[in-house]
PDB file of all heavy atoms in Angstrom:
ATOM      1  N   GLU A   1      23.297  -9.270  -1.295  1.00  0.00           N
ATOM      2  CA  GLU A   1      23.500  -7.931  -0.769  1.00  0.00           C
ATOM      3  C   GLU A   1      23.271  -7.959   0.738  1.00  0.00           C
ATOM      4  O   GLU A   1      22.651  -8.879   1.278  1.00  0.00           O
ATOM      5  CB  GLU A   1      22.519  -6.956  -1.437  1.00  0.00           C
ATOM      6  CG  GLU A   1      22.673  -5.500  -1.039  1.00  0.00           C
ATOM      7  CD  GLU A   1      24.088  -4.949  -1.250  1.00  0.00           C
ATOM      8  OE1 GLU A   1      24.916  -5.185  -0.341  1.00  0.00           O
ATOM      9  OE2 GLU A   1      24.340  -4.316  -2.287  1.00  0.00           O
ATOM     10  N   VAL A   2      23.794  -6.934   1.412  1.00  0.00           N
ATOM     11  CA  VAL A   2      23.589  -6.760   2.848  1.00  0.00           C
ATOM     12  C   VAL A   2      22.943  -5.400   3.080  1.00  0.00           C
ATOM     13  O   VAL A   2      23.402  -4.390   2.546  1.00  0.00           O
ATOM     14  CB  VAL A   2      24.913  -6.856   3.630  1.00  0.00           C
ATOM     15  CG1 VAL A   2      24.672  -6.634   5.118  1.00  0.00           C
ATOM     16  CG2 VAL A   2      25.578  -8.207   3.401  1.00  0.00           C
ATOM     17  N   VAL A   3      21.882  -5.401   3.858  1.00  0.00           N
ATOM     18  CA  VAL A   3      21.141  -4.192   4.209  1.00  0.00           C
ATOM     19  C   VAL A   3      21.313  -3.953   5.709  1.00  0.00           C
ATOM     20  O   VAL A   3      21.447  -4.907   6.483  1.00  0.00           O
ATOM     21  CB  VAL A   3      19.644  -4.360   3.859  1.00  0.00           C
ATOM     22  CG1 VAL A   3      18.808  -3.202   4.374  1.00  0.00           C
ATOM     23  CG2 VAL A   3      19.468  -4.518   2.345  1.00  0.00           C
ATOM     24  N   VAL A   4      21.316  -2.691   6.119  1.00  0.00           N
ATOM     25  CA  VAL A   4      21.494  -2.347   7.535  1.00  0.00           C
ATOM     26  C   VAL A   4      20.185  -1.784   8.088  1.00  0.00           C
ATOM     27  O   VAL A   4      19.559  -0.911   7.472  1.00  0.00           O
ATOM     28  CB  VAL A   4      22.625  -1.318   7.710  1.00  0.00           C
ATOM     29  CG1 VAL A   4      22.782  -0.941   9.182  1.00  0.00           C
ATOM     30  CG2 VAL A   4      23.930  -1.865   7.150  1.00  0.00           C
ATOM     31  N   ALA A   5      19.761  -2.281   9.247  1.00  0.00           N
ATOM     32  CA  ALA A   5      18.515  -1.845   9.878  1.00  0.00           C
ATOM     33  C   ALA A   5      18.799  -1.266  11.258  1.00  0.00           C
ATOM     34  O   ALA A   5      19.607  -1.815  12.019  1.00  0.00           O
ATOM     35  CB  ALA A   5      17.543  -3.018   9.995  1.00  0.00           C
ATOM     36  N   GLY A   6      18.123  -0.168  11.571  1.00  0.00           N
ATOM     37  CA  GLY A   6      18.232   0.450  12.889  1.00  0.00           C
ATOM     38  C   GLY A   6      16.992   0.197  13.721  1.00  0.00           C
ATOM     39  O   GLY A   6      16.077  -0.526  13.312  1.00  0.00           O
ATOM     40  N   ASP A   7      16.931   0.825  14.878  1.00  0.00           N
ATOM     41  CA  ASP A   7      15.814   0.581  15.793  1.00  0.00           C
ATOM     42  C   ASP A   7      14.470   1.013  15.209  1.00  0.00           C
ATOM     43  O   ASP A   7      13.453   0.338  15.422  1.00  0.00           O
ATOM     44  CB  ASP A   7      16.066   1.299  17.121  1.00  0.00           C
ATOM     45  CG  ASP A   7      17.090   0.575  17.990  1.00  0.00           C
ATOM     46  OD1 ASP A   7      17.425  -0.581  17.667  1.00  0.00           O
ATOM     47  OD2 ASP A   7      17.552   1.172  18.987  1.00  0.00           O
ATOM     48  N   PHE A   8      14.431   2.128  14.482  1.00  0.00           N
ATOM     49  CA  PHE A   8      13.168   2.550  13.867  1.00  0.00           C
ATOM     50  C   PHE A   8      12.686   1.508  12.866  1.00  0.00           C
ATOM     51  O   PHE A   8      11.482   1.250  12.736  1.00  0.00           O
ATOM     52  CB  PHE A   8      13.321   3.914  13.183  1.00  0.00           C
ATOM     53  CG  PHE A   8      13.396   5.060  14.154  1.00  0.00           C
ATOM     54  CD1 PHE A   8      14.573   5.781  14.305  1.00  0.00           C
ATOM     55  CD2 PHE A   8      12.298   5.416  14.925  1.00  0.00           C
ATOM     56  CE1 PHE A   8      14.660   6.839  15.204  1.00  0.00           C
ATOM     57  CE2 PHE A   8      12.369   6.472  15.830  1.00  0.00           C
ATOM     58  CZ  PHE A   8      13.554   7.185  15.971  1.00  0.00           C
ATOM     59  N   ASP A   9      13.624   0.895  12.150  1.00  0.00           N
ATOM     60  CA  ASP A   9      13.262  -0.152  11.197  1.00  0.00           C
ATOM     61  C   ASP A   9      12.690  -1.368  11.916  1.00  0.00           C
ATOM     62  O   ASP A   9      11.790  -2.041  11.396  1.00  0.00           O
ATOM     63  CB  ASP A   9      14.488  -0.574  10.386  1.00  0.00           C
ATOM     64  CG  ASP A   9      15.085   0.569   9.592  1.00  0.00           C
ATOM     65  OD1 ASP A   9      14.330   1.266   8.890  1.00  0.00           O
ATOM     66  OD2 ASP A   9      16.316   0.767   9.686  1.00  0.00           O
ATOM     67  N   VAL A  10      13.213  -1.650  13.089  1.00  0.00           N
ATOM     68  CA  VAL A  10      12.703  -2.770  13.878  1.00  0.00           C
ATOM     69  C   VAL A  10      11.251  -2.532  14.270  1.00  0.00           C
ATOM     70  O   VAL A  10      10.388  -3.413  14.117  1.00  0.00           O
ATOM     71  CB  VAL A  10      13.568  -2.999  15.128  1.00  0.00           C
ATOM     72  CG1 VAL A  10      12.895  -3.990  16.081  1.00  0.00           C
ATOM     73  CG2 VAL A  10      14.944  -3.505  14.735  1.00  0.00           C
ATOM     74  N   VAL A  11      10.956  -1.335  14.779  1.00  0.00           N
ATOM     75  CA  VAL A  11       9.586  -1.019  15.200  1.00  0.00           C
ATOM     76  C   VAL A  11       8.641  -1.082  14.002  1.00  0.00           C
ATOM     77  O   VAL A  11       7.544  -1.661  14.085  1.00  0.00           O
ATOM     78  CB  VAL A  11       9.540   0.361  15.885  1.00  0.00           C
ATOM     79  CG1 VAL A  11       8.102   0.748  16.204  1.00  0.00           C
ATOM     80  CG2 VAL A  11      10.376   0.345  17.159  1.00  0.00           C
ATOM     81  N   ASP A  12       9.055  -0.506  12.885  1.00  0.00           N
ATOM     82  CA  ASP A  12       8.232  -0.578  11.669  1.00  0.00           C
ATOM     83  C   ASP A  12       8.016  -2.029  11.250  1.00  0.00           C
ATOM     84  O   ASP A  12       6.920  -2.413  10.830  1.00  0.00           O
ATOM     85  CB  ASP A  12       8.904   0.188  10.529  1.00  0.00           C
ATOM     86  CG  ASP A  12       8.821   1.697  10.706  1.00  0.00           C
ATOM     87  OD1 ASP A  12       8.003   2.154  11.535  1.00  0.00           O
ATOM     88  OD2 ASP A  12       9.572   2.422  10.021  1.00  0.00           O
ATOM     89  N   GLY A  13       9.067  -2.829  11.344  1.00  0.00           N
ATOM     90  CA  GLY A  13       8.965  -4.229  10.956  1.00  0.00           C
ATOM     91  C   GLY A  13       8.051  -5.029  11.858  1.00  0.00           C
ATOM     92  O   GLY A  13       7.316  -5.918  11.397  1.00  0.00           O
ATOM     93  N   LEU A  14       8.076  -4.740  13.159  1.00  0.00           N
ATOM     94  CA  LEU A  14       7.161  -5.415  14.076  1.00  0.00           C
ATOM     95  C   LEU A  14       5.713  -5.112  13.725  1.00  0.00           C
ATOM     96  O   LEU A  14       4.852  -6.009  13.723  1.00  0.00           O
ATOM     97  CB  LEU A  14       7.453  -4.988  15.517  1.00  0.00           C
ATOM     98  CG  LEU A  14       8.736  -5.526  16.143  1.00  0.00           C
ATOM     99  CD1 LEU A  14       9.016  -4.823  17.467  1.00  0.00           C
ATOM    100  CD2 LEU A  14       8.656  -7.037  16.354  1.00  0.00           C
ATOM    101  N   ARG A  15       5.437  -3.843  13.421  1.00  0.00           N
ATOM    102  CA  ARG A  15       4.075  -3.460  13.026  1.00  0.00           C
ATOM    103  C   ARG A  15       3.672  -4.149  11.722  1.00  0.00           C
ATOM    104  O   ARG A  15       2.547  -4.644  11.586  1.00  0.00           O
ATOM    105  CB  ARG A  15       3.978  -1.940  12.867  1.00  0.00           C
ATOM    106  CG  ARG A  15       4.072  -1.165  14.175  1.00  0.00           C
ATOM    107  CD  ARG A  15       3.554   0.259  13.995  1.00  0.00           C
ATOM    108  NE  ARG A  15       3.595   0.987  15.249  1.00  0.00           N
ATOM    109  CZ  ARG A  15       4.518   1.878  15.586  1.00  0.00           C
ATOM    110  NH1 ARG A  15       5.496   2.152  14.743  1.00  0.00           N
ATOM    111  NH2 ARG A  15       4.464   2.499  16.752  1.00  0.00           N
ATOM    112  N   GLU A  16       4.594  -4.162  10.748  1.00  0.00           N
ATOM    113  CA  GLU A  16       4.302  -4.794   9.468  1.00  0.00           C
ATOM    114  C   GLU A  16       4.057  -6.285   9.651  1.00  0.00           C
ATOM    115  O   GLU A  16       3.146  -6.859   9.049  1.00  0.00           O
ATOM    116  CB  GLU A  16       5.463  -4.566   8.494  1.00  0.00           C
ATOM    117  CG  GLU A  16       5.245  -5.122   7.101  1.00  0.00           C
ATOM    118  CD  GLU A  16       4.126  -4.409   6.346  1.00  0.00           C
ATOM    119  OE1 GLU A  16       3.681  -3.325   6.778  1.00  0.00           O
ATOM    120  OE2 GLU A  16       3.701  -4.963   5.319  1.00  0.00           O
ATOM    121  N   GLY A  17       4.872  -6.923  10.486  1.00  0.00           N
ATOM    122  CA  GLY A  17       4.676  -8.338  10.753  1.00  0.00           C
ATOM    123  C   GLY A  17       3.308  -8.630  11.342  1.00  0.00           C
ATOM    124  O   GLY A  17       2.621  -9.572  10.918  1.00  0.00           O
ATOM    125  N   LEU A  18       2.882  -7.827  12.302  1.00  0.00           N
ATOM    126  CA  LEU A  18       1.572  -8.036  12.913  1.00  0.00           C
ATOM    127  C   LEU A  18       0.447  -7.818  11.905  1.00  0.00           C
ATOM    128  O   LEU A  18      -0.564  -8.533  11.934  1.00  0.00           O
ATOM    129  CB  LEU A  18       1.405  -7.102  14.113  1.00  0.00           C
ATOM    130  CG  LEU A  18       2.244  -7.455  15.344  1.00  0.00           C
ATOM    131  CD1 LEU A  18       2.124  -6.380  16.409  1.00  0.00           C
ATOM    132  CD2 LEU A  18       1.832  -8.816  15.913  1.00  0.00           C
ATOM    133  N   ARG A  19       0.611  -6.851  11.018  1.00  0.00           N
ATOM    134  CA  ARG A  19      -0.413  -6.635   9.983  1.00  0.00           C
ATOM    135  C   ARG A  19      -0.569  -7.863   9.090  1.00  0.00           C
ATOM    136  O   ARG A  19      -1.643  -8.113   8.545  1.00  0.00           O
ATOM    137  CB  ARG A  19      -0.066  -5.404   9.140  1.00  0.00           C
ATOM    138  CG  ARG A  19      -0.382  -4.071   9.809  1.00  0.00           C
ATOM    139  CD  ARG A  19      -0.337  -2.914   8.836  1.00  0.00           C
ATOM    140  NE  ARG A  19       1.020  -2.592   8.434  1.00  0.00           N
ATOM    141  CZ  ARG A  19       1.783  -1.676   9.034  1.00  0.00           C
ATOM    142  NH1 ARG A  19       1.314  -1.013  10.092  1.00  0.00           N
ATOM    143  NH2 ARG A  19       3.009  -1.426   8.602  1.00  0.00           N
ATOM    144  N   LEU A  20       0.516  -8.620   8.946  1.00  0.00           N
ATOM    145  CA  LEU A  20       0.476  -9.823   8.121  1.00  0.00           C
ATOM    146  C   LEU A  20       0.145 -11.074   8.942  1.00  0.00           C
ATOM    147  O   LEU A  20       0.059 -12.177   8.394  1.00  0.00           O
ATOM    148  CB  LEU A  20       1.828 -10.024   7.424  1.00  0.00           C
ATOM    149  CG  LEU A  20       2.237  -8.934   6.437  1.00  0.00           C
ATOM    150  CD1 LEU A  20       3.639  -9.198   5.898  1.00  0.00           C
ATOM    151  CD2 LEU A  20       1.242  -8.861   5.273  1.00  0.00           C
ATOM    152  N   GLY A  21      -0.012 -10.900  10.260  1.00  0.00           N
ATOM    153  CA  GLY A  21      -0.370 -12.014  11.127  1.00  0.00           C
ATOM    154  C   GLY A  21       0.800 -12.739  11.746  1.00  0.00           C
ATOM    155  O   GLY A  21       0.638 -13.834  12.300  1.00  0.00           O
ATOM    156  N   PHE A  22       2.010 -12.130  11.700  1.00  0.00           N
ATOM    157  CA  PHE A  22       3.209 -12.791  12.202  1.00  0.00           C
ATOM    158  C   PHE A  22       3.620 -12.197  13.550  1.00  0.00           C
ATOM    159  O   PHE A  22       3.932 -11.002  13.641  1.00  0.00           O
ATOM    160  CB  PHE A  22       4.370 -12.625  11.220  1.00  0.00           C
ATOM    161  CG  PHE A  22       4.077 -13.141   9.836  1.00  0.00           C
ATOM    162  CD1 PHE A  22       4.422 -12.398   8.719  1.00  0.00           C
ATOM    163  CD2 PHE A  22       3.452 -14.366   9.652  1.00  0.00           C
ATOM    164  CE1 PHE A  22       4.160 -12.872   7.438  1.00  0.00           C
ATOM    165  CE2 PHE A  22       3.182 -14.850   8.374  1.00  0.00           C
ATOM    166  CZ  PHE A  22       3.537 -14.103   7.265  1.00  0.00           C
ATOM    167  N   ILE A  23       3.624 -13.023  14.589  1.00  0.00           N
ATOM    168  CA  ILE A  23       4.041 -12.575  15.921  1.00  0.00           C
ATOM    169  C   ILE A  23       5.527 -12.894  16.061  1.00  0.00           C
ATOM    170  O   ILE A  23       5.919 -13.984  16.498  1.00  0.00           O
ATOM    171  CB  ILE A  23       3.213 -13.256  17.023  1.00  0.00           C
ATOM    172  CG1 ILE A  23       1.727 -12.991  16.806  1.00  0.00           C
ATOM    173  CG2 ILE A  23       3.639 -12.749  18.406  1.00  0.00           C
ATOM    174  CD1 ILE A  23       0.816 -13.726  17.769  1.00  0.00           C
ATOM    175  N   ILE A  24       6.368 -11.955  15.672  1.00  0.00           N
ATOM    176  CA  ILE A  24       7.806 -12.168  15.605  1.00  0.00           C
ATOM    177  C   ILE A  24       8.527 -11.267  16.597  1.00  0.00           C
ATOM    178  O   ILE A  24       7.982 -10.259  17.067  1.00  0.00           O
ATOM    179  CB  ILE A  24       8.347 -11.908  14.177  1.00  0.00           C
ATOM    180  CG1 ILE A  24       7.919 -10.524  13.694  1.00  0.00           C
ATOM    181  CG2 ILE A  24       7.859 -13.002  13.227  1.00  0.00           C
ATOM    182  CD1 ILE A  24       8.501 -10.123  12.353  1.00  0.00           C
ATOM    183  N   GLU A  25       9.770 -11.628  16.890  1.00  0.00           N
ATOM    184  CA  GLU A  25      10.579 -10.838  17.806  1.00  0.00           C
ATOM    185  C   GLU A  25      11.312  -9.729  17.034  1.00  0.00           C
ATOM    186  O   GLU A  25      11.364  -9.751  15.794  1.00  0.00           O
ATOM    187  CB  GLU A  25      11.565 -11.722  18.551  1.00  0.00           C
ATOM    188  CG  GLU A  25      12.645 -12.330  17.680  1.00  0.00           C
ATOM    189  CD  GLU A  25      13.605 -13.198  18.485  1.00  0.00           C
ATOM    190  OE1 GLU A  25      13.360 -13.418  19.683  1.00  0.00           O
ATOM    191  OE2 GLU A  25      14.595 -13.656  17.904  1.00  0.00           O
ATOM    192  N   PRO A  26      11.895  -8.753  17.754  1.00  0.00           N
ATOM    193  CA  PRO A  26      12.573  -7.638  17.076  1.00  0.00           C
ATOM    194  C   PRO A  26      13.648  -8.066  16.087  1.00  0.00           C
ATOM    195  O   PRO A  26      13.789  -7.455  15.022  1.00  0.00           O
ATOM    196  CB  PRO A  26      13.162  -6.844  18.245  1.00  0.00           C
ATOM    197  CG  PRO A  26      12.187  -7.064  19.356  1.00  0.00           C
ATOM    198  CD  PRO A  26      11.758  -8.488  19.209  1.00  0.00           C
ATOM    199  N   THR A  27      14.417  -9.105  16.387  1.00  0.00           N
ATOM    200  CA  THR A  27      15.459  -9.539  15.454  1.00  0.00           C
ATOM    201  C   THR A  27      14.867  -9.952  14.116  1.00  0.00           C
ATOM    202  O   THR A  27      15.409  -9.641  13.050  1.00  0.00           O
ATOM    203  CB  THR A  27      16.264 -10.704  16.064  1.00  0.00           C
ATOM    204  OG1 THR A  27      16.910 -10.249  17.254  1.00  0.00           O
ATOM    205  CG2 THR A  27      17.307 -11.221  15.089  1.00  0.00           C
ATOM    206  N   SER A  28      13.755 -10.665  14.136  1.00  0.00           N
ATOM    207  CA  SER A  28      13.108 -11.093  12.892  1.00  0.00           C
ATOM    208  C   SER A  28      12.575  -9.916  12.094  1.00  0.00           C
ATOM    209  O   SER A  28      12.520  -9.966  10.863  1.00  0.00           O
ATOM    210  CB  SER A  28      11.948 -12.043  13.197  1.00  0.00           C
ATOM    211  OG  SER A  28      12.400 -13.264  13.705  1.00  0.00           O
ATOM    212  N   ALA A  29      12.169  -8.863  12.785  1.00  0.00           N
ATOM    213  CA  ALA A  29      11.490  -7.748  12.127  1.00  0.00           C
ATOM    214  C   ALA A  29      12.380  -6.977  11.166  1.00  0.00           C
ATOM    215  O   ALA A  29      11.889  -6.230  10.315  1.00  0.00           O
ATOM    216  CB  ALA A  29      10.924  -6.801  13.193  1.00  0.00           C
ATOM    217  N   VAL A  30      13.709  -7.150  11.260  1.00  0.00           N
ATOM    218  CA  VAL A  30      14.607  -6.380  10.384  1.00  0.00           C
ATOM    219  C   VAL A  30      14.445  -6.743   8.913  1.00  0.00           C
ATOM    220  O   VAL A  30      14.833  -5.968   8.032  1.00  0.00           O
ATOM    221  CB  VAL A  30      16.088  -6.552  10.804  1.00  0.00           C
ATOM    222  CG1 VAL A  30      16.312  -6.067  12.220  1.00  0.00           C
ATOM    223  CG2 VAL A  30      16.566  -7.988  10.625  1.00  0.00           C
ATOM    224  N   VAL A  31      13.878  -7.921   8.616  1.00  0.00           N
ATOM    225  CA  VAL A  31      13.781  -8.346   7.212  1.00  0.00           C
ATOM    226  C   VAL A  31      12.920  -7.397   6.390  1.00  0.00           C
ATOM    227  O   VAL A  31      13.120  -7.259   5.169  1.00  0.00           O
ATOM    228  CB  VAL A  31      13.232  -9.779   7.100  1.00  0.00           C
ATOM    229  CG1 VAL A  31      14.214 -10.778   7.703  1.00  0.00           C
ATOM    230  CG2 VAL A  31      11.863  -9.912   7.750  1.00  0.00           C
ATOM    231  N   PHE A  32      11.982  -6.727   7.034  1.00  0.00           N
ATOM    232  CA  PHE A  32      11.093  -5.833   6.287  1.00  0.00           C
ATOM    233  C   PHE A  32      11.843  -4.616   5.754  1.00  0.00           C
ATOM    234  O   PHE A  32      11.429  -4.014   4.760  1.00  0.00           O
ATOM    235  CB  PHE A  32       9.896  -5.420   7.150  1.00  0.00           C
ATOM    236  CG  PHE A  32       8.955  -6.565   7.409  1.00  0.00           C
ATOM    237  CD1 PHE A  32       9.011  -7.280   8.599  1.00  0.00           C
ATOM    238  CD2 PHE A  32       8.029  -6.942   6.451  1.00  0.00           C
ATOM    239  CE1 PHE A  32       8.151  -8.340   8.830  1.00  0.00           C
ATOM    240  CE2 PHE A  32       7.163  -8.003   6.664  1.00  0.00           C
ATOM    241  CZ  PHE A  32       7.232  -8.715   7.862  1.00  0.00           C
ATOM    242  N   LYS A  33      12.969  -4.246   6.397  1.00  0.00           N
ATOM    243  CA  LYS A  33      13.796  -3.161   5.878  1.00  0.00           C
ATOM    244  C   LYS A  33      14.340  -3.535   4.499  1.00  0.00           C
ATOM    245  O   LYS A  33      14.361  -2.711   3.570  1.00  0.00           O
ATOM    246  CB  LYS A  33      14.948  -2.874   6.849  1.00  0.00           C
ATOM    247  CG  LYS A  33      16.014  -1.901   6.310  1.00  0.00           C
ATOM    248  CD  LYS A  33      15.459  -0.490   6.113  1.00  0.00           C
ATOM    249  CE  LYS A  33      16.509   0.491   5.586  1.00  0.00           C
ATOM    250  NZ  LYS A  33      17.667   0.668   6.474  1.00  0.00           N
ATOM    251  N   ALA A  34      14.774  -4.778   4.337  1.00  0.00           N
ATOM    252  CA  ALA A  34      15.309  -5.218   3.046  1.00  0.00           C
ATOM    253  C   ALA A  34      14.224  -5.236   1.975  1.00  0.00           C
ATOM    254  O   ALA A  34      14.465  -4.875   0.811  1.00  0.00           O
ATOM    255  CB  ALA A  34      15.936  -6.606   3.184  1.00  0.00           C
ATOM    256  N   LEU A  35      13.015  -5.640   2.345  1.00  0.00           N
ATOM    257  CA  LEU A  35      11.922  -5.661   1.367  1.00  0.00           C
ATOM    258  C   LEU A  35      11.586  -4.247   0.908  1.00  0.00           C
ATOM    259  O   LEU A  35      11.330  -4.008  -0.281  1.00  0.00           O
ATOM    260  CB  LEU A  35      10.688  -6.341   1.964  1.00  0.00           C
ATOM    261  CG  LEU A  35      10.850  -7.817   2.367  1.00  0.00           C
ATOM    262  CD1 LEU A  35       9.544  -8.367   2.908  1.00  0.00           C
ATOM    263  CD2 LEU A  35      11.337  -8.640   1.185  1.00  0.00           C
ATOM    264  N   ARG A  36      11.598  -3.289   1.844  1.00  0.00           N
ATOM    265  CA  ARG A  36      11.300  -1.899   1.479  1.00  0.00           C
ATOM    266  C   ARG A  36      12.420  -1.286   0.649  1.00  0.00           C
ATOM    267  O   ARG A  36      12.175  -0.557  -0.317  1.00  0.00           O
ATOM    268  CB  ARG A  36      11.081  -1.055   2.744  1.00  0.00           C
ATOM    269  CG  ARG A  36       9.795  -1.343   3.490  1.00  0.00           C
ATOM    270  CD  ARG A  36       9.500  -0.261   4.524  1.00  0.00           C
ATOM    271  NE  ARG A  36      10.574  -0.135   5.509  1.00  0.00           N
ATOM    272  CZ  ARG A  36      10.630  -0.831   6.638  1.00  0.00           C
ATOM    273  NH1 ARG A  36       9.692  -1.717   6.914  1.00  0.00           N
ATOM    274  NH2 ARG A  36      11.624  -0.655   7.490  1.00  0.00           N
ATOM    275  N   GLU A  37      13.668  -1.578   1.039  1.00  0.00           N
ATOM    276  CA  GLU A  37      14.800  -0.914   0.402  1.00  0.00           C
ATOM    277  C   GLU A  37      15.131  -1.505  -0.965  1.00  0.00           C
ATOM    278  O   GLU A  37      15.404  -0.765  -1.918  1.00  0.00           O
ATOM    279  CB  GLU A  37      16.031  -1.016   1.312  1.00  0.00           C
ATOM    280  CG  GLU A  37      17.243  -0.263   0.796  1.00  0.00           C
ATOM    281  CD  GLU A  37      18.360  -0.209   1.818  1.00  0.00           C
ATOM    282  OE1 GLU A  37      18.077   0.138   2.998  1.00  0.00           O
ATOM    283  OE2 GLU A  37      19.515  -0.514   1.460  1.00  0.00           O
ATOM    284  N   LEU A  38      15.114  -2.817  -1.086  1.00  0.00           N
ATOM    285  CA  LEU A  38      15.555  -3.477  -2.323  1.00  0.00           C
ATOM    286  C   LEU A  38      14.408  -3.880  -3.239  1.00  0.00           C
ATOM    287  O   LEU A  38      14.613  -4.073  -4.443  1.00  0.00           O
ATOM    288  CB  LEU A  38      16.402  -4.705  -1.992  1.00  0.00           C
ATOM    289  CG  LEU A  38      17.687  -4.455  -1.205  1.00  0.00           C
ATOM    290  CD1 LEU A  38      18.442  -5.761  -0.999  1.00  0.00           C
ATOM    291  CD2 LEU A  38      18.582  -3.439  -1.906  1.00  0.00           C
ATOM    292  N   LYS A  39      13.217  -4.067  -2.653  1.00  0.00           N
ATOM    293  CA  LYS A  39      12.046  -4.500  -3.433  1.00  0.00           C
ATOM    294  C   LYS A  39      12.412  -5.664  -4.373  1.00  0.00           C
ATOM    295  O   LYS A  39      12.301  -5.554  -5.602  1.00  0.00           O
ATOM    296  CB  LYS A  39      11.473  -3.334  -4.243  1.00  0.00           C
ATOM    297  CG  LYS A  39      10.959  -2.178  -3.387  1.00  0.00           C
ATOM    298  CD  LYS A  39      10.427  -1.043  -4.233  1.00  0.00           C
ATOM    299  CE  LYS A  39       9.805   0.051  -3.391  1.00  0.00           C
ATOM    300  NZ  LYS A  39      10.752   0.658  -2.429  1.00  0.00           N
ATOM    301  N   PRO A  40      12.875  -6.781  -3.814  1.00  0.00           N
ATOM    302  CA  PRO A  40      13.321  -7.894  -4.658  1.00  0.00           C
ATOM    303  C   PRO A  40      12.204  -8.435  -5.534  1.00  0.00           C
ATOM    304  O   PRO A  40      11.063  -8.580  -5.093  1.00  0.00           O
ATOM    305  CB  PRO A  40      13.784  -8.946  -3.636  1.00  0.00           C
ATOM    306  CG  PRO A  40      13.091  -8.588  -2.365  1.00  0.00           C
ATOM    307  CD  PRO A  40      12.952  -7.103  -2.373  1.00  0.00           C
ATOM    308  N   SER A  41      12.526  -8.698  -6.790  1.00  0.00           N
ATOM    309  CA  SER A  41      11.543  -9.223  -7.734  1.00  0.00           C
ATOM    310  C   SER A  41      11.772 -10.708  -7.940  1.00  0.00           C
ATOM    311  O   SER A  41      12.835 -11.249  -7.612  1.00  0.00           O
ATOM    312  CB  SER A  41      11.651  -8.489  -9.070  1.00  0.00           C
ATOM    313  OG  SER A  41      12.950  -8.636  -9.612  1.00  0.00           O
ATOM    314  N   GLY A  42      10.780 -11.392  -8.490  1.00  0.00           N
ATOM    315  CA  GLY A  42      10.876 -12.827  -8.677  1.00  0.00           C
ATOM    316  C   GLY A  42      10.491 -13.567  -7.413  1.00  0.00           C
ATOM    317  O   GLY A  42       9.984 -12.987  -6.444  1.00  0.00           O
TER     318      GLY A  42
END
């Protein structure tokens, strides 16, 4: 599947990454949108 992330999702993702100890750039932060939206299992 393909998920679409906007700027607000990037900011949320950066915060989430830091809470988990990951110092990532804005491009990397979009992955958290997919985790929130799809909640992949397994």
